């Protein structure tokens, strides 16, 4: 039998609610769900070369966020290359 230790982590209320709901719906204990999720994530990290990993969360400062919002509000015209890439051939 494997030895177990307890860990502690801060998670958002939304994640906690999703975990509670999934646990209730499936009957799986939260500890089992967390361990399975960590194992799957770590296995994936072992399999994928680091240069192909894309962070799922990006943290930016306030000034950068304002520039992002401005770009969304005033998008640039697509370049000819982008137009060509996005062109759908009618067959």
PDB file of N, CA and C in Angstrom:
ATOM      1  N   UNK A   1       0.848  -1.189   0.000  1.00  0.00           N
ATOM      2  CA  UNK A   1       0.000   0.000   0.000  1.00  0.00           C
ATOM      3  C   UNK A   1       0.885   1.241   0.000  1.00  0.00           C
ATOM      4  N   UNK A   2       0.526   2.225  -0.799  1.00  0.00           N
ATOM      5  CA  UNK A   2       1.321   3.439  -0.925  1.00  0.00           C
ATOM      6  C   UNK A   2       1.205   4.300   0.323  1.00  0.00           C
ATOM      7  N   UNK A   3       2.290   4.996   0.623  1.00  0.00           N
ATOM      8  CA  UNK A   3       2.258   5.967   1.715  1.00  0.00           C
ATOM      9  C   UNK A   3       1.646   7.254   1.188  1.00  0.00           C
ATOM     10  N   UNK A   4       0.874   7.919   2.009  1.00  0.00           N
ATOM     11  CA  UNK A   4       0.228   9.159   1.601  1.00  0.00           C
ATOM     12  C   UNK A   4       0.643  10.276   2.524  1.00  0.00           C
ATOM     13  N   UNK A   5       0.735  11.478   1.970  1.00  0.00           N
ATOM     14  CA  UNK A   5       0.977  12.672   2.759  1.00  0.00           C
ATOM     15  C   UNK A   5      -0.101  13.679   2.412  1.00  0.00           C
ATOM     16  N   UNK A   6      -0.286  14.639   3.277  1.00  0.00           N
ATOM     17  CA  UNK A   6      -1.270  15.683   3.019  1.00  0.00           C
ATOM     18  C   UNK A   6      -0.546  16.914   2.515  1.00  0.00           C
ATOM     19  N   UNK A   7      -1.137  17.563   1.505  1.00  0.00           N
ATOM     20  CA  UNK A   7      -0.604  18.830   1.010  1.00  0.00           C
ATOM     21  C   UNK A   7      -1.680  19.891   1.147  1.00  0.00           C
ATOM     22  N   UNK A   8      -1.283  21.133   1.042  1.00  0.00           N
ATOM     23  CA  UNK A   8      -2.222  22.239   1.137  1.00  0.00           C
ATOM     24  C   UNK A   8      -2.004  23.156  -0.052  1.00  0.00           C
ATOM     25  N   UNK A   9      -3.079  23.669  -0.614  1.00  0.00           N
ATOM     26  CA  UNK A   9      -2.972  24.578  -1.753  1.00  0.00           C
ATOM     27  C   UNK A   9      -4.124  25.568  -1.705  1.00  0.00           C
ATOM     28  N   UNK A  10      -3.852  26.773  -2.155  1.00  0.00           N
ATOM     29  CA  UNK A  10      -4.887  27.801  -2.276  1.00  0.00           C
ATOM     30  C   UNK A  10      -5.528  27.654  -3.655  1.00  0.00           C
ATOM     31  N   UNK A  11      -6.851  27.579  -3.702  1.00  0.00           N
ATOM     32  CA  UNK A  11      -7.569  27.521  -4.976  1.00  0.00           C
ATOM     33  C   UNK A  11      -8.721  28.519  -4.929  1.00  0.00           C
ATOM     34  N   UNK A  12      -9.210  28.889  -6.104  1.00  0.00           N
ATOM     35  CA  UNK A  12     -10.308  29.860  -6.159  1.00  0.00           C
ATOM     36  C   UNK A  12     -11.611  29.214  -5.691  1.00  0.00           C
ATOM     37  N   UNK A  13     -12.543  30.067  -5.310  1.00  0.00           N
ATOM     38  CA  UNK A  13     -13.873  29.584  -4.919  1.00  0.00           C
ATOM     39  C   UNK A  13     -14.538  28.855  -6.079  1.00  0.00           C
ATOM     40  N   UNK A  14     -14.340  29.368  -7.298  1.00  0.00           N
ATOM     41  CA  UNK A  14     -14.956  28.738  -8.468  1.00  0.00           C
ATOM     42  C   UNK A  14     -14.419  27.328  -8.677  1.00  0.00           C
ATOM     43  N   UNK A  15     -13.104  27.154  -8.524  1.00  0.00           N
ATOM     44  CA  UNK A  15     -12.518  25.817  -8.673  1.00  0.00           C
ATOM     45  C   UNK A  15     -13.020  24.896  -7.571  1.00  0.00           C
ATOM     46  N   UNK A  16     -13.099  25.404  -6.364  1.00  0.00           N
ATOM     47  CA  UNK A  16     -13.592  24.608  -5.237  1.00  0.00           C
ATOM     48  C   UNK A  16     -15.027  24.151  -5.503  1.00  0.00           C
ATOM     49  N   UNK A  17     -15.858  25.047  -6.025  1.00  0.00           N
ATOM     50  CA  UNK A  17     -17.247  24.700  -6.320  1.00  0.00           C
ATOM     51  C   UNK A  17     -17.316  23.617  -7.389  1.00  0.00           C
ATOM     52  N   UNK A  18     -16.479  23.740  -8.425  1.00  0.00           N
ATOM     53  CA  UNK A  18     -16.460  22.722  -9.488  1.00  0.00           C
ATOM     54  C   UNK A  18     -16.007  21.379  -8.940  1.00  0.00           C
ATOM     55  N   UNK A  19     -14.984  21.398  -8.086  1.00  0.00           N
ATOM     56  CA  UNK A  19     -14.484  20.160  -7.486  1.00  0.00           C
ATOM     57  C   UNK A  19     -15.568  19.509  -6.632  1.00  0.00           C
ATOM     58  N   UNK A  20     -16.239  20.305  -5.797  1.00  0.00           N
ATOM     59  CA  UNK A  20     -17.314  19.775  -4.951  1.00  0.00           C
ATOM     60  C   UNK A  20     -18.430  19.165  -5.791  1.00  0.00           C
ATOM     61  N   UNK A  21     -18.836  19.868  -6.837  1.00  0.00           N
ATOM     62  CA  UNK A  21     -19.913  19.377  -7.698  1.00  0.00           C
ATOM     63  C   UNK A  21     -19.524  18.067  -8.374  1.00  0.00           C
ATOM     64  N   UNK A  22     -18.318  18.031  -8.946  1.00  0.00           N
ATOM     65  CA  UNK A  22     -17.874  16.818  -9.634  1.00  0.00           C
ATOM     66  C   UNK A  22     -17.767  15.655  -8.659  1.00  0.00           C
ATOM     67  N   UNK A  23     -17.289  15.924  -7.463  1.00  0.00           N
ATOM     68  CA  UNK A  23     -17.179  14.882  -6.448  1.00  0.00           C
ATOM     69  C   UNK A  23     -18.559  14.313  -6.088  1.00  0.00           C
ATOM     70  N   UNK A  24     -19.524  15.221  -5.904  1.00  0.00           N
ATOM     71  CA  UNK A  24     -20.889  14.767  -5.585  1.00  0.00           C
ATOM     72  C   UNK A  24     -21.494  13.966  -6.730  1.00  0.00           C
ATOM     73  N   UNK A  25     -21.300  14.463  -7.971  1.00  0.00           N
ATOM     74  CA  UNK A  25     -21.915  13.812  -9.133  1.00  0.00           C
ATOM     75  C   UNK A  25     -21.320  12.446  -9.426  1.00  0.00           C
ATOM     76  N   UNK A  26     -20.036  12.270  -9.176  1.00  0.00           N
ATOM     77  CA  UNK A  26     -19.371  11.014  -9.519  1.00  0.00           C
ATOM     78  C   UNK A  26     -19.208  10.069  -8.343  1.00  0.00           C
ATOM     79  N   UNK A  27     -19.327  10.618  -7.132  1.00  0.00           N
ATOM     80  CA  UNK A  27     -19.108   9.801  -5.945  1.00  0.00           C
ATOM     81  C   UNK A  27     -17.630   9.596  -5.624  1.00  0.00           C
ATOM     82  N   UNK A  28     -16.752  10.238  -6.387  1.00  0.00           N
ATOM     83  CA  UNK A  28     -15.322  10.129  -6.123  1.00  0.00           C
ATOM     84  C   UNK A  28     -14.926  11.119  -5.036  1.00  0.00           C
ATOM     85  N   UNK A  29     -14.033  10.681  -4.161  1.00  0.00           N
ATOM     86  CA  UNK A  29     -13.555  11.573  -3.113  1.00  0.00           C
ATOM     87  C   UNK A  29     -12.673  12.651  -3.723  1.00  0.00           C
ATOM     88  N   UNK A  30     -12.707  13.835  -3.118  1.00  0.00           N
ATOM     89  CA  UNK A  30     -11.938  14.962  -3.638  1.00  0.00           C
ATOM     90  C   UNK A  30     -10.441  14.659  -3.678  1.00  0.00           C
ATOM     91  N   UNK A  31      -9.936  13.972  -2.691  1.00  0.00           N
ATOM     92  CA  UNK A  31      -8.518  13.616  -2.679  1.00  0.00           C
ATOM     93  C   UNK A  31      -8.141  12.758  -3.880  1.00  0.00           C
ATOM     94  N   UNK A  32      -9.010  11.822  -4.251  1.00  0.00           N
ATOM     95  CA  UNK A  32      -8.763  10.965  -5.415  1.00  0.00           C
ATOM     96  C   UNK A  32      -8.779  11.797  -6.696  1.00  0.00           C
ATOM     97  N   UNK A  33      -9.768  12.711  -6.817  1.00  0.00           N
ATOM     98  CA  UNK A  33      -9.841  13.568  -7.996  1.00  0.00           C
ATOM     99  C   UNK A  33      -8.593  14.432  -8.135  1.00  0.00           C
ATOM    100  N   UNK A  34      -8.147  15.006  -7.028  1.00  0.00           N
ATOM    101  CA  UNK A  34      -6.963  15.870  -7.064  1.00  0.00           C
ATOM    102  C   UNK A  34      -5.727  15.059  -7.425  1.00  0.00           C
ATOM    103  N   UNK A  35      -5.545  13.895  -6.821  1.00  0.00           N
ATOM    104  CA  UNK A  35      -4.372  13.085  -7.138  1.00  0.00           C
ATOM    105  C   UNK A  35      -4.388  12.634  -8.596  1.00  0.00           C
ATOM    106  N   UNK A  36      -5.549  12.202  -9.090  1.00  0.00           N
ATOM    107  CA  UNK A  36      -5.642  11.789 -10.496  1.00  0.00           C
ATOM    108  C   UNK A  36      -5.322  12.953 -11.436  1.00  0.00           C
ATOM    109  N   UNK A  37      -5.837  14.149 -11.118  1.00  0.00           N
ATOM    110  CA  UNK A  37      -5.584  15.314 -11.957  1.00  0.00           C
ATOM    111  C   UNK A  37      -4.097  15.679 -11.950  1.00  0.00           C
ATOM    112  N   UNK A  38      -3.482  15.654 -10.778  1.00  0.00           N
ATOM    113  CA  UNK A  38      -2.053  15.958 -10.698  1.00  0.00           C
ATOM    114  C   UNK A  38      -1.221  14.936 -11.454  1.00  0.00           C
ATOM    115  N   UNK A  39      -1.548  13.677 -11.302  1.00  0.00           N
ATOM    116  CA  UNK A  39      -0.823  12.614 -12.022  1.00  0.00           C
ATOM    117  C   UNK A  39      -0.952  12.799 -13.529  1.00  0.00           C
ATOM    118  N   UNK A  40      -2.159  13.064 -14.004  1.00  0.00           N
ATOM    119  CA  UNK A  40      -2.367  13.251 -15.440  1.00  0.00           C
ATOM    120  C   UNK A  40      -1.589  14.464 -15.939  1.00  0.00           C
ATOM    121  N   UNK A  41      -1.613  15.538 -15.177  1.00  0.00           N
ATOM    122  CA  UNK A  41      -0.893  16.749 -15.581  1.00  0.00           C
ATOM    123  C   UNK A  41       0.616  16.508 -15.598  1.00  0.00           C
ATOM    124  N   UNK A  42       1.128  15.886 -14.571  1.00  0.00           N
ATOM    125  CA  UNK A  42       2.567  15.622 -14.510  1.00  0.00           C
ATOM    126  C   UNK A  42       2.996  14.643 -15.602  1.00  0.00           C
ATOM    127  N   UNK A  43       2.163  13.638 -15.884  1.00  0.00           N
ATOM    128  CA  UNK A  43       2.469  12.708 -16.982  1.00  0.00           C
ATOM    129  C   UNK A  43       2.549  13.452 -18.314  1.00  0.00           C
ATOM    130  N   UNK A  44       1.607  14.374 -18.532  1.00  0.00           N
ATOM    131  CA  UNK A  44       1.607  15.151 -19.773  1.00  0.00           C
ATOM    132  C   UNK A  44       2.859  16.020 -19.859  1.00  0.00           C
ATOM    133  N   UNK A  45       3.244  16.629 -18.755  1.00  0.00           N
ATOM    134  CA  UNK A  45       4.456  17.440 -18.744  1.00  0.00           C
ATOM    135  C   UNK A  45       5.688  16.610 -19.070  1.00  0.00           C
ATOM    136  N   UNK A  46       5.706  15.362 -18.621  1.00  0.00           N
ATOM    137  CA  UNK A  46       6.832  14.465 -18.919  1.00  0.00           C
ATOM    138  C   UNK A  46       6.878  14.096 -20.398  1.00  0.00           C
ATOM    139  N   UNK A  47       5.719  14.042 -21.045  1.00  0.00           N
ATOM    140  CA  UNK A  47       5.639  13.586 -22.436  1.00  0.00           C
ATOM    141  C   UNK A  47       5.860  14.681 -23.468  1.00  0.00           C
ATOM    142  N   UNK A  48       5.535  15.914 -23.123  1.00  0.00           N
ATOM    143  CA  UNK A  48       5.594  17.008 -24.088  1.00  0.00           C
ATOM    144  C   UNK A  48       6.888  17.801 -23.871  1.00  0.00           C
ATOM    145  N   UNK A  49       7.660  18.026 -24.931  1.00  0.00           N
ATOM    146  CA  UNK A  49       8.867  18.842 -24.785  1.00  0.00           C
ATOM    147  C   UNK A  49       8.521  20.241 -24.271  1.00  0.00           C
ATOM    148  N   UNK A  50       9.364  20.780 -23.411  1.00  0.00           N
ATOM    149  CA  UNK A  50       9.097  22.060 -22.753  1.00  0.00           C
ATOM    150  C   UNK A  50       8.813  23.192 -23.738  1.00  0.00           C
ATOM    151  N   UNK A  51       9.471  23.182 -24.906  1.00  0.00           N
ATOM    152  CA  UNK A  51       9.264  24.293 -25.844  1.00  0.00           C
ATOM    153  C   UNK A  51       7.862  24.303 -26.449  1.00  0.00           C
ATOM    154  N   UNK A  52       7.108  23.225 -26.289  1.00  0.00           N
ATOM    155  CA  UNK A  52       5.750  23.173 -26.819  1.00  0.00           C
ATOM    156  C   UNK A  52       4.685  23.463 -25.766  1.00  0.00           C
ATOM    157  N   UNK A  53       5.085  23.690 -24.549  1.00  0.00           N
ATOM    158  CA  UNK A  53       4.128  23.970 -23.487  1.00  0.00           C
ATOM    159  C   UNK A  53       3.722  25.438 -23.527  1.00  0.00           C
ATOM    160  N   UNK A  54       2.443  25.673 -23.487  1.00  0.00           N
ATOM    161  CA  UNK A  54       1.896  27.030 -23.492  1.00  0.00           C
ATOM    162  C   UNK A  54       1.183  27.226 -22.160  1.00  0.00           C
ATOM    163  N   UNK A  55       1.589  28.241 -21.401  1.00  0.00           N
ATOM    164  CA  UNK A  55       0.926  28.457 -20.113  1.00  0.00           C
ATOM    165  C   UNK A  55      -0.555  28.764 -20.312  1.00  0.00           C
ATOM    166  N   UNK A  56      -1.395  28.216 -19.462  1.00  0.00           N
ATOM    167  CA  UNK A  56      -2.833  28.447 -19.600  1.00  0.00           C
ATOM    168  C   UNK A  56      -3.254  29.754 -18.943  1.00  0.00           C
ATOM    169  N   UNK A  57      -2.355  30.372 -18.220  1.00  0.00           N
ATOM    170  CA  UNK A  57      -2.658  31.641 -17.569  1.00  0.00           C
ATOM    171  C   UNK A  57      -1.479  32.574 -17.786  1.00  0.00           C
ATOM    172  N   UNK A  58      -1.779  33.772 -18.247  1.00  0.00           N
ATOM    173  CA  UNK A  58      -0.742  34.770 -18.473  1.00  0.00           C
ATOM    174  C   UNK A  58      -1.038  35.949 -17.557  1.00  0.00           C
ATOM    175  N   UNK A  59      -0.031  36.391 -16.830  1.00  0.00           N
ATOM    176  CA  UNK A  59      -0.188  37.525 -15.914  1.00  0.00           C
ATOM    177  C   UNK A  59       0.474  38.741 -16.545  1.00  0.00           C
ATOM    178  N   UNK A  60      -0.279  39.836 -16.636  1.00  0.00           N
ATOM    179  CA  UNK A  60       0.249  41.078 -17.203  1.00  0.00           C
ATOM    180  C   UNK A  60       0.012  42.208 -16.215  1.00  0.00           C
ATOM    181  N   UNK A  61       0.824  43.259 -16.340  1.00  0.00           N
ATOM    182  CA  UNK A  61       0.634  44.427 -15.480  1.00  0.00           C
ATOM    183  C   UNK A  61      -0.515  45.285 -16.030  1.00  0.00           C
ATOM    184  N   UNK A  62      -0.891  46.307 -15.277  1.00  0.00           N
ATOM    185  CA  UNK A  62      -2.046  47.136 -15.644  1.00  0.00           C
ATOM    186  C   UNK A  62      -1.844  47.845 -16.978  1.00  0.00           C
ATOM    187  N   UNK A  63      -0.643  48.341 -17.225  1.00  0.00           N
ATOM    188  CA  UNK A  63      -0.384  49.062 -18.480  1.00  0.00           C
ATOM    189  C   UNK A  63      -0.516  48.123 -19.676  1.00  0.00           C
ATOM    190  N   UNK A  64       0.006  46.929 -19.558  1.00  0.00           N
ATOM    191  CA  UNK A  64      -0.098  45.949 -20.644  1.00  0.00           C
ATOM    192  C   UNK A  64      -1.561  45.574 -20.873  1.00  0.00           C
ATOM    193  N   UNK A  65      -2.311  45.389 -19.793  1.00  0.00           N
ATOM    194  CA  UNK A  65      -3.724  45.057 -19.925  1.00  0.00           C
ATOM    195  C   UNK A  65      -4.478  46.159 -20.670  1.00  0.00           C
ATOM    196  N   UNK A  66      -4.184  47.401 -20.366  1.00  0.00           N
ATOM    197  CA  UNK A  66      -4.841  48.514 -21.050  1.00  0.00           C
ATOM    198  C   UNK A  66      -4.520  48.499 -22.547  1.00  0.00           C
ATOM    199  N   UNK A  67      -3.287  48.159 -22.917  1.00  0.00           N
ATOM    200  CA  UNK A  67      -2.926  48.066 -24.337  1.00  0.00           C
ATOM    201  C   UNK A  67      -3.681  46.919 -25.004  1.00  0.00           C
ATOM    202  N   UNK A  68      -3.826  45.815 -24.313  1.00  0.00           N
ATOM    203  CA  UNK A  68      -4.571  44.675 -24.858  1.00  0.00           C
ATOM    204  C   UNK A  68      -6.027  45.074 -25.121  1.00  0.00           C
ATOM    205  N   UNK A  69      -6.636  45.726 -24.145  1.00  0.00           N
ATOM    206  CA  UNK A  69      -8.027  46.151 -24.289  1.00  0.00           C
ATOM    207  C   UNK A  69      -8.163  47.138 -25.450  1.00  0.00           C
ATOM    208  N   UNK A  70      -7.211  48.064 -25.573  1.00  0.00           N
ATOM    209  CA  UNK A  70      -7.248  49.041 -26.671  1.00  0.00           C
ATOM    210  C   UNK A  70      -7.160  48.331 -28.020  1.00  0.00           C
ATOM    211  N   UNK A  71      -6.318  47.317 -28.134  1.00  0.00           N
ATOM    212  CA  UNK A  71      -6.194  46.567 -29.396  1.00  0.00           C
ATOM    213  C   UNK A  71      -7.492  45.832 -29.721  1.00  0.00           C
ATOM    214  N   UNK A  72      -8.146  45.311 -28.714  1.00  0.00           N
ATOM    215  CA  UNK A  72      -9.420  44.608 -28.932  1.00  0.00           C
ATOM    216  C   UNK A  72     -10.487  45.610 -29.392  1.00  0.00           C
ATOM    217  N   UNK A  73     -10.493  46.780 -28.764  1.00  0.00           N
ATOM    218  CA  UNK A  73     -11.484  47.806 -29.108  1.00  0.00           C
ATOM    219  C   UNK A  73     -11.245  48.407 -30.491  1.00  0.00           C
ATOM    220  N   UNK A  74      -9.977  48.463 -30.918  1.00  0.00           N
ATOM    221  CA  UNK A  74      -9.634  49.050 -32.221  1.00  0.00           C
ATOM    222  C   UNK A  74      -8.741  48.069 -32.991  1.00  0.00           C
ATOM    223  N   UNK A  75      -9.315  46.994 -33.481  1.00  0.00           N
ATOM    224  CA  UNK A  75      -8.474  46.010 -34.181  1.00  0.00           C
ATOM    225  C   UNK A  75      -7.884  46.580 -35.471  1.00  0.00           C
ATOM    226  N   UNK A  76      -6.679  46.151 -35.776  1.00  0.00           N
ATOM    227  CA  UNK A  76      -6.000  46.575 -37.011  1.00  0.00           C
ATOM    228  C   UNK A  76      -6.624  45.842 -38.194  1.00  0.00           C
ATOM    229  N   UNK A  77      -6.491  46.439 -39.358  1.00  0.00           N
ATOM    230  CA  UNK A  77      -6.947  45.785 -40.586  1.00  0.00           C
ATOM    231  C   UNK A  77      -6.089  44.544 -40.824  1.00  0.00           C
ATOM    232  N   UNK A  78      -6.683  43.458 -41.314  1.00  0.00           N
ATOM    233  CA  UNK A  78      -5.890  42.257 -41.589  1.00  0.00           C
ATOM    234  C   UNK A  78      -4.890  42.505 -42.717  1.00  0.00           C
ATOM    235  N   UNK A  79      -3.730  41.904 -42.569  1.00  0.00           N
ATOM    236  CA  UNK A  79      -2.692  42.037 -43.597  1.00  0.00           C
ATOM    237  C   UNK A  79      -3.043  41.142 -44.780  1.00  0.00           C
ATOM    238  N   UNK A  80      -2.421  41.383 -45.932  1.00  0.00           N
ATOM    239  CA  UNK A  80      -2.663  40.504 -47.087  1.00  0.00           C
ATOM    240  C   UNK A  80      -2.335  39.032 -46.775  1.00  0.00           C
ATOM    241  N   UNK A  81      -1.273  38.810 -46.020  1.00  0.00           N
ATOM    242  CA  UNK A  81      -0.908  37.429 -45.673  1.00  0.00           C
ATOM    243  C   UNK A  81      -2.005  36.785 -44.829  1.00  0.00           C
ATOM    244  N   UNK A  82      -2.515  37.510 -43.847  1.00  0.00           N
ATOM    245  CA  UNK A  82      -3.590  36.965 -43.024  1.00  0.00           C
ATOM    246  C   UNK A  82      -4.839  36.697 -43.862  1.00  0.00           C
ATOM    247  N   UNK A  83      -5.149  37.618 -44.763  1.00  0.00           N
ATOM    248  CA  UNK A  83      -6.309  37.395 -45.649  1.00  0.00           C
ATOM    249  C   UNK A  83      -6.146  36.114 -46.458  1.00  0.00           C
ATOM    250  N   UNK A  84      -4.939  35.880 -46.953  1.00  0.00           N
ATOM    251  CA  UNK A  84      -4.682  34.670 -47.751  1.00  0.00           C
ATOM    252  C   UNK A  84      -4.818  33.408 -46.890  1.00  0.00           C
ATOM    253  N   UNK A  85      -4.279  33.470 -45.699  1.00  0.00           N
ATOM    254  CA  UNK A  85      -4.367  32.309 -44.804  1.00  0.00           C
ATOM    255  C   UNK A  85      -5.818  31.978 -44.479  1.00  0.00           C
ATOM    256  N   UNK A  86      -6.619  33.007 -44.270  1.00  0.00           N
ATOM    257  CA  UNK A  86      -8.005  32.815 -43.834  1.00  0.00           C
ATOM    258  C   UNK A  86      -8.969  32.602 -44.992  1.00  0.00           C
ATOM    259  N   UNK A  87      -8.487  32.747 -46.202  1.00  0.00           N
ATOM    260  CA  UNK A  87      -9.356  32.597 -47.383  1.00  0.00           C
ATOM    261  C   UNK A  87      -9.863  31.163 -47.488  1.00  0.00           C
ATOM    262  N   UNK A  88     -11.136  31.030 -47.746  1.00  0.00           N
ATOM    263  CA  UNK A  88     -11.754  29.733 -47.941  1.00  0.00           C
ATOM    264  C   UNK A  88     -12.017  29.562 -49.425  1.00  0.00           C
ATOM    265  N   UNK A  89     -11.467  28.507 -49.984  1.00  0.00           N
ATOM    266  CA  UNK A  89     -11.693  28.224 -51.403  1.00  0.00           C
ATOM    267  C   UNK A  89     -13.075  27.623 -51.581  1.00  0.00           C
ATOM    268  N   UNK A  90     -13.847  28.195 -52.489  1.00  0.00           N
ATOM    269  CA  UNK A  90     -15.175  27.652 -52.794  1.00  0.00           C
ATOM    270  C   UNK A  90     -15.009  26.619 -53.904  1.00  0.00           C
ATOM    271  N   UNK A  91     -15.213  25.379 -53.564  1.00  0.00           N
ATOM    272  CA  UNK A  91     -15.086  24.306 -54.563  1.00  0.00           C
ATOM    273  C   UNK A  91     -16.429  23.901 -55.103  1.00  0.00           C
TER     274      UNK A  91
END
